[in-house]
Amino acid sequence: MALKNPLQRIKPDPDQGLGLFLGSSRKDSLSFDDEQGRPLFERALGQLGPVSVDEMYTFEPALCVGGKATIENLVKVKMDIQLMILDQLRR
C-alpha cells in the first residue's frame, strides 16, 4: 500500500469556509462604523443599493491614503479591481 503524497491533500473549499464564517457571525459584528461610531452598512445599503456577487462597498478616497469613514465617501465598486488597487496602495 503506497502512502499518499502530503502535497496532494484535498484543499478546503474557500467558499465553504467563508460561508461558515459569515453564517456564524452576528450581522452587527460585520458592519464598519463611521467616524462618529455609527454602523455604516444599513445606510450604505439604503443609499447605494445592494451589491452583486462581484461588487463591494468601499471608501473613496481609500482610508489607507487619508480618506474619511463617512457615508458620503462610500461607493459601490467592482471587487476584483478594488482589491488589486488596495493591494498596490499598501506596498
N, C-alpha and C. Protein backbone atom coordinates (compact mmCIF):
# COMPACT_ATOMS: atom_id res chain seq x y z
N MET A 1 0.85 -1.18 0.00
CA MET A 1 0.00 0.00 0.00
C MET A 1 0.89 1.25 0.00
N ALA A 2 0.71 2.10 -0.94
CA ALA A 2 1.52 3.30 -1.08
C ALA A 2 0.98 4.42 -0.19
N LEU A 3 1.89 5.21 0.35
CA LEU A 3 1.48 6.36 1.15
C LEU A 3 1.12 7.50 0.22
N LYS A 4 0.11 8.25 0.61
CA LYS A 4 -0.28 9.42 -0.18
C LYS A 4 0.75 10.52 -0.01
N ASN A 5 1.02 11.21 -1.07
CA ASN A 5 1.91 12.35 -1.05
C ASN A 5 1.22 13.46 -0.26
N PRO A 6 1.85 14.01 0.80
CA PRO A 6 1.20 15.06 1.59
C PRO A 6 0.90 16.31 0.78
N LEU A 7 1.58 16.51 -0.33
CA LEU A 7 1.33 17.68 -1.17
C LEU A 7 0.06 17.52 -2.00
N GLN A 8 -0.49 16.31 -2.04
CA GLN A 8 -1.68 16.06 -2.83
C GLN A 8 -2.94 16.04 -1.96
N ARG A 9 -2.87 16.65 -0.79
CA ARG A 9 -4.04 16.71 0.08
C ARG A 9 -5.15 17.50 -0.59
N ILE A 10 -6.36 17.15 -0.27
CA ILE A 10 -7.51 17.88 -0.79
C ILE A 10 -7.53 19.25 -0.15
N LYS A 11 -7.65 20.26 -0.96
CA LYS A 11 -7.68 21.63 -0.47
C LYS A 11 -9.10 21.95 0.01
N PRO A 12 -9.21 22.65 1.13
CA PRO A 12 -10.55 23.01 1.61
C PRO A 12 -11.22 23.98 0.64
N ASP A 13 -12.53 23.94 0.61
CA ASP A 13 -13.32 24.81 -0.26
C ASP A 13 -13.38 26.20 0.38
N PRO A 14 -12.78 27.22 -0.26
CA PRO A 14 -12.79 28.56 0.35
C PRO A 14 -14.20 29.12 0.49
N ASP A 15 -15.10 28.79 -0.43
CA ASP A 15 -16.47 29.28 -0.32
C ASP A 15 -17.15 28.70 0.91
N GLN A 16 -16.87 27.44 1.21
CA GLN A 16 -17.45 26.81 2.39
C GLN A 16 -16.92 27.48 3.66
N GLY A 17 -15.63 27.75 3.69
CA GLY A 17 -15.04 28.41 4.85
C GLY A 17 -15.61 29.80 5.06
N LEU A 18 -15.76 30.55 3.98
CA LEU A 18 -16.34 31.89 4.08
C LEU A 18 -17.79 31.80 4.52
N GLY A 19 -18.52 30.83 3.97
CA GLY A 19 -19.91 30.65 4.35
C GLY A 19 -20.05 30.33 5.83
N LEU A 20 -19.16 29.48 6.35
CA LEU A 20 -19.20 29.15 7.77
C LEU A 20 -18.89 30.37 8.62
N PHE A 21 -17.91 31.16 8.19
CA PHE A 21 -17.56 32.38 8.93
C PHE A 21 -18.73 33.36 8.95
N LEU A 22 -19.29 33.64 7.78
CA LEU A 22 -20.38 34.61 7.71
C LEU A 22 -21.64 34.09 8.39
N GLY A 23 -21.89 32.79 8.24
CA GLY A 23 -23.08 32.20 8.84
C GLY A 23 -23.03 32.17 10.35
N SER A 24 -21.85 32.16 10.92
CA SER A 24 -21.73 32.11 12.38
C SER A 24 -21.46 33.48 12.98
N SER A 25 -21.44 34.51 12.14
CA SER A 25 -21.18 35.87 12.64
C SER A 25 -22.49 36.61 12.85
N ARG A 26 -22.50 37.49 13.83
CA ARG A 26 -23.65 38.36 14.04
C ARG A 26 -23.58 39.49 13.01
N LYS A 27 -24.73 39.88 12.48
CA LYS A 27 -24.79 40.93 11.46
C LYS A 27 -24.12 42.21 11.92
N ASP A 28 -24.38 42.61 13.17
CA ASP A 28 -23.80 43.87 13.65
C ASP A 28 -22.29 43.80 13.82
N SER A 29 -21.73 42.59 13.94
CA SER A 29 -20.28 42.48 14.10
C SER A 29 -19.54 42.64 12.77
N LEU A 30 -20.26 42.60 11.65
CA LEU A 30 -19.64 42.73 10.33
C LEU A 30 -19.72 44.15 9.78
N SER A 31 -20.46 45.02 10.44
CA SER A 31 -20.60 46.39 9.96
C SER A 31 -19.40 47.22 10.35
N PHE A 32 -19.06 48.18 9.52
CA PHE A 32 -17.96 49.11 9.77
C PHE A 32 -18.58 50.40 10.29
N ASP A 33 -17.99 50.98 11.30
CA ASP A 33 -18.54 52.21 11.88
C ASP A 33 -17.94 53.44 11.22
N ASP A 34 -18.75 54.51 11.13
CA ASP A 34 -18.26 55.77 10.61
C ASP A 34 -17.45 56.48 11.69
N GLU A 35 -17.03 57.70 11.41
CA GLU A 35 -16.17 58.43 12.34
C GLU A 35 -16.87 58.80 13.64
N GLN A 36 -18.20 58.76 13.66
CA GLN A 36 -18.96 59.03 14.88
C GLN A 36 -19.33 57.73 15.60
N GLY A 37 -18.82 56.60 15.11
CA GLY A 37 -19.09 55.32 15.75
C GLY A 37 -20.42 54.68 15.37
N ARG A 38 -21.07 55.18 14.33
CA ARG A 38 -22.36 54.64 13.89
C ARG A 38 -22.14 53.63 12.77
N PRO A 39 -22.83 52.49 12.81
CA PRO A 39 -22.68 51.47 11.76
C PRO A 39 -23.07 52.02 10.38
N LEU A 40 -22.27 51.67 9.38
CA LEU A 40 -22.47 52.18 8.03
C LEU A 40 -23.28 51.26 7.12
N PHE A 41 -23.28 49.95 7.38
CA PHE A 41 -23.81 49.03 6.39
C PHE A 41 -25.25 49.31 6.00
N GLU A 42 -26.15 49.44 6.95
CA GLU A 42 -27.56 49.67 6.62
C GLU A 42 -27.76 50.96 5.83
N ARG A 43 -27.01 52.00 6.19
CA ARG A 43 -27.10 53.27 5.46
C ARG A 43 -26.53 53.13 4.06
N ALA A 44 -25.44 52.39 3.92
CA ALA A 44 -24.86 52.16 2.59
C ALA A 44 -25.84 51.38 1.72
N LEU A 45 -26.47 50.38 2.30
CA LEU A 45 -27.45 49.59 1.56
C LEU A 45 -28.60 50.46 1.08
N GLY A 46 -29.09 51.34 1.95
CA GLY A 46 -30.18 52.24 1.58
C GLY A 46 -29.77 53.28 0.54
N GLN A 47 -28.56 53.80 0.65
CA GLN A 47 -28.10 54.86 -0.25
C GLN A 47 -27.60 54.31 -1.59
N LEU A 48 -26.85 53.21 -1.56
CA LEU A 48 -26.19 52.71 -2.77
C LEU A 48 -26.86 51.46 -3.34
N GLY A 49 -27.75 50.84 -2.58
CA GLY A 49 -28.39 49.61 -3.03
C GLY A 49 -27.51 48.41 -2.72
N PRO A 50 -28.08 47.22 -2.91
CA PRO A 50 -27.31 46.01 -2.62
C PRO A 50 -26.17 45.81 -3.62
N VAL A 51 -25.14 45.12 -3.17
CA VAL A 51 -24.02 44.80 -4.06
C VAL A 51 -24.31 43.46 -4.73
N SER A 52 -23.79 43.27 -5.93
CA SER A 52 -23.89 41.98 -6.61
C SER A 52 -22.70 41.12 -6.16
N VAL A 53 -22.63 39.91 -6.65
CA VAL A 53 -21.59 38.98 -6.20
C VAL A 53 -20.18 39.46 -6.53
N ASP A 54 -20.03 40.37 -7.48
CA ASP A 54 -18.70 40.85 -7.85
C ASP A 54 -18.46 42.31 -7.45
N GLU A 55 -19.24 42.80 -6.50
CA GLU A 55 -19.12 44.18 -6.07
C GLU A 55 -18.88 44.26 -4.56
N MET A 56 -18.47 45.46 -4.12
CA MET A 56 -18.28 45.72 -2.69
C MET A 56 -18.44 47.22 -2.45
N TYR A 57 -18.72 47.57 -1.21
CA TYR A 57 -18.69 48.98 -0.81
C TYR A 57 -17.26 49.30 -0.40
N THR A 58 -16.85 50.52 -0.71
CA THR A 58 -15.51 50.97 -0.31
C THR A 58 -15.52 52.47 -0.13
N PHE A 59 -14.48 52.98 0.49
CA PHE A 59 -14.35 54.41 0.69
C PHE A 59 -13.49 55.00 -0.42
N GLU A 60 -13.92 56.15 -0.94
CA GLU A 60 -13.12 56.91 -1.90
C GLU A 60 -13.01 58.33 -1.39
N PRO A 61 -11.80 58.77 -1.10
CA PRO A 61 -10.54 58.05 -1.21
C PRO A 61 -10.43 56.96 -0.14
N ALA A 62 -9.57 55.99 -0.43
CA ALA A 62 -9.36 54.87 0.48
C ALA A 62 -8.87 55.36 1.84
N LEU A 63 -9.27 54.65 2.88
CA LEU A 63 -8.86 55.03 4.23
C LEU A 63 -7.34 55.02 4.39
N CYS A 64 -6.67 54.10 3.70
CA CYS A 64 -5.21 53.98 3.85
C CYS A 64 -4.44 55.14 3.23
N VAL A 65 -5.12 55.99 2.46
CA VAL A 65 -4.45 57.18 1.91
C VAL A 65 -5.08 58.46 2.45
N GLY A 66 -5.75 58.33 3.60
CA GLY A 66 -6.27 59.52 4.26
C GLY A 66 -7.75 59.78 4.09
N GLY A 67 -8.46 58.90 3.41
CA GLY A 67 -9.90 59.07 3.26
C GLY A 67 -10.61 58.98 4.61
N LYS A 68 -11.79 59.54 4.67
CA LYS A 68 -12.57 59.56 5.91
C LYS A 68 -13.69 58.53 5.84
N ALA A 69 -13.96 57.89 6.98
CA ALA A 69 -15.02 56.88 7.08
C ALA A 69 -16.36 57.57 7.27
N THR A 70 -16.90 58.08 6.15
CA THR A 70 -18.21 58.75 6.18
C THR A 70 -19.09 58.14 5.10
N ILE A 71 -20.40 58.27 5.30
CA ILE A 71 -21.35 57.74 4.32
C ILE A 71 -21.17 58.44 2.97
N GLU A 72 -20.76 59.69 3.00
CA GLU A 72 -20.56 60.45 1.76
C GLU A 72 -19.40 59.91 0.93
N ASN A 73 -18.44 59.26 1.57
CA ASN A 73 -17.28 58.72 0.86
C ASN A 73 -17.45 57.28 0.44
N LEU A 74 -18.60 56.67 0.73
CA LEU A 74 -18.83 55.28 0.33
C LEU A 74 -19.31 55.20 -1.11
N VAL A 75 -18.76 54.25 -1.84
CA VAL A 75 -19.17 53.98 -3.22
C VAL A 75 -19.25 52.47 -3.41
N LYS A 76 -19.93 52.06 -4.47
CA LYS A 76 -20.01 50.65 -4.83
C LYS A 76 -19.10 50.44 -6.03
N VAL A 77 -18.21 49.44 -5.93
CA VAL A 77 -17.21 49.20 -6.97
C VAL A 77 -17.12 47.72 -7.31
N LYS A 78 -16.43 47.41 -8.41
CA LYS A 78 -16.13 46.02 -8.75
C LYS A 78 -15.06 45.51 -7.79
N MET A 79 -15.33 44.40 -7.16
CA MET A 79 -14.48 43.89 -6.09
C MET A 79 -13.07 43.56 -6.56
N ASP A 80 -12.93 42.85 -7.68
CA ASP A 80 -11.60 42.42 -8.11
C ASP A 80 -10.69 43.61 -8.39
N ILE A 81 -11.23 44.62 -9.02
CA ILE A 81 -10.43 45.81 -9.35
C ILE A 81 -10.04 46.56 -8.08
N GLN A 82 -11.01 46.74 -7.18
CA GLN A 82 -10.73 47.47 -5.93
C GLN A 82 -9.69 46.76 -5.08
N LEU A 83 -9.77 45.44 -4.98
CA LEU A 83 -8.80 44.71 -4.16
C LEU A 83 -7.40 44.80 -4.76
N MET A 84 -7.29 44.83 -6.09
CA MET A 84 -5.98 45.00 -6.72
C MET A 84 -5.43 46.39 -6.41
N ILE A 85 -6.30 47.41 -6.48
CA ILE A 85 -5.86 48.78 -6.19
C ILE A 85 -5.42 48.90 -4.74
N LEU A 86 -6.20 48.36 -3.81
CA LEU A 86 -5.83 48.43 -2.39
C LEU A 86 -4.54 47.67 -2.11
N ASP A 87 -4.34 46.56 -2.79
CA ASP A 87 -3.10 45.81 -2.64
C ASP A 87 -1.90 46.65 -3.08
N GLN A 88 -2.04 47.37 -4.17
CA GLN A 88 -0.96 48.23 -4.65
C GLN A 88 -0.70 49.39 -3.70
N LEU A 89 -1.75 49.93 -3.10
CA LEU A 89 -1.60 51.06 -2.19
C LEU A 89 -0.87 50.68 -0.91
N ARG A 90 -1.00 49.43 -0.48
CA ARG A 90 -0.37 49.02 0.77
C ARG A 90 1.11 48.73 0.60
N ARG A 91 1.61 48.65 -0.61
CA ARG A 91 3.03 48.32 -0.84
C ARG A 91 3.93 49.50 -0.73
